[in-house]
């Protein structure tokens, strides 16, 4: 499996809107975990419906990044 991770400007804007430093850090840590181990089951890696070639990972029970 080849993994390509990009952090578009929208990702940075979304991080800033979270307001909570804990949620910001959790989001950054989830991306780092994905880069290190993309098959980690805790990330709940799945396809984004309606966006071929796009996937999302779970940050916590409330948040997903894709």
Protein backbone atom coordinates (compact mmCIF):
# COMPACT_ATOMS: atom_id res chain seq x y z
CA UNK A 1 0.00 0.00 0.00
CA UNK A 2 1.43 3.36 -1.03
CA UNK A 3 0.49 6.23 1.26
CA UNK A 4 0.58 9.86 0.22
CA UNK A 5 -0.37 12.40 2.85
CA UNK A 6 -0.99 16.00 1.97
CA UNK A 7 -1.95 18.80 4.29
CA UNK A 8 -3.80 21.34 2.21
CA UNK A 9 -4.52 24.84 3.45
CA UNK A 10 -8.03 23.68 4.35
CA UNK A 11 -6.50 21.23 6.87
CA UNK A 12 -4.61 24.05 8.58
CA UNK A 13 -7.74 26.25 8.61
CA UNK A 14 -9.75 23.41 10.14
CA UNK A 15 -7.14 22.90 12.86
CA UNK A 16 -7.31 26.58 13.77
CA UNK A 17 -11.12 26.44 14.00
CA UNK A 18 -10.99 23.61 16.55
CA UNK A 19 -10.03 26.15 19.26
CA UNK A 20 -9.18 23.38 21.74
CA UNK A 21 -5.44 22.70 21.83
CA UNK A 22 -6.19 19.12 22.92
CA UNK A 23 -8.25 18.44 19.79
CA UNK A 24 -5.67 20.17 17.60
CA UNK A 25 -2.92 17.99 19.06
CA UNK A 26 -5.04 14.84 18.74
CA UNK A 27 -5.59 15.64 15.05
CA UNK A 28 -1.89 16.16 14.40
CA UNK A 29 -1.05 12.97 16.30
CA UNK A 30 -3.58 10.99 14.25
CA UNK A 31 -1.97 12.14 11.01
CA UNK A 32 1.48 11.29 12.37
CA UNK A 33 0.21 7.84 13.45
CA UNK A 34 -1.23 7.30 9.97
CA UNK A 35 2.07 8.23 8.33
CA UNK A 36 3.92 5.80 10.60
CA UNK A 37 1.40 2.94 10.44
CA UNK A 38 -1.39 3.41 7.88
CA UNK A 39 -3.00 0.09 8.78
CA UNK A 40 -3.45 0.95 12.46
CA UNK A 41 -7.02 -0.19 13.26
CA UNK A 42 -7.48 2.68 15.75
CA UNK A 43 -7.55 5.10 12.81
CA UNK A 44 -10.59 3.45 11.21
CA UNK A 45 -9.29 4.23 7.70
CA UNK A 46 -12.16 4.37 5.19
CA UNK A 47 -13.19 5.82 1.83
CA UNK A 48 -14.88 9.21 1.60
CA UNK A 49 -18.26 8.68 -0.06
CA UNK A 50 -18.57 10.64 -3.30
CA UNK A 51 -14.84 11.46 -3.49
CA UNK A 52 -13.02 8.75 -5.46
CA UNK A 53 -9.43 8.40 -4.32
CA UNK A 54 -10.06 10.16 -0.98
CA UNK A 55 -10.00 8.51 2.43
CA UNK A 56 -10.49 9.60 6.02
CA UNK A 57 -9.07 8.61 9.39
CA UNK A 58 -10.64 8.89 12.81
CA UNK A 59 -9.08 11.32 15.28
CA UNK A 60 -11.49 10.53 18.13
CA UNK A 61 -15.11 9.49 18.49
CA UNK A 62 -16.31 12.90 17.28
CA UNK A 63 -13.81 13.84 14.58
CA UNK A 64 -12.60 12.48 11.27
CA UNK A 65 -10.06 13.91 8.86
CA UNK A 66 -10.12 13.25 5.19
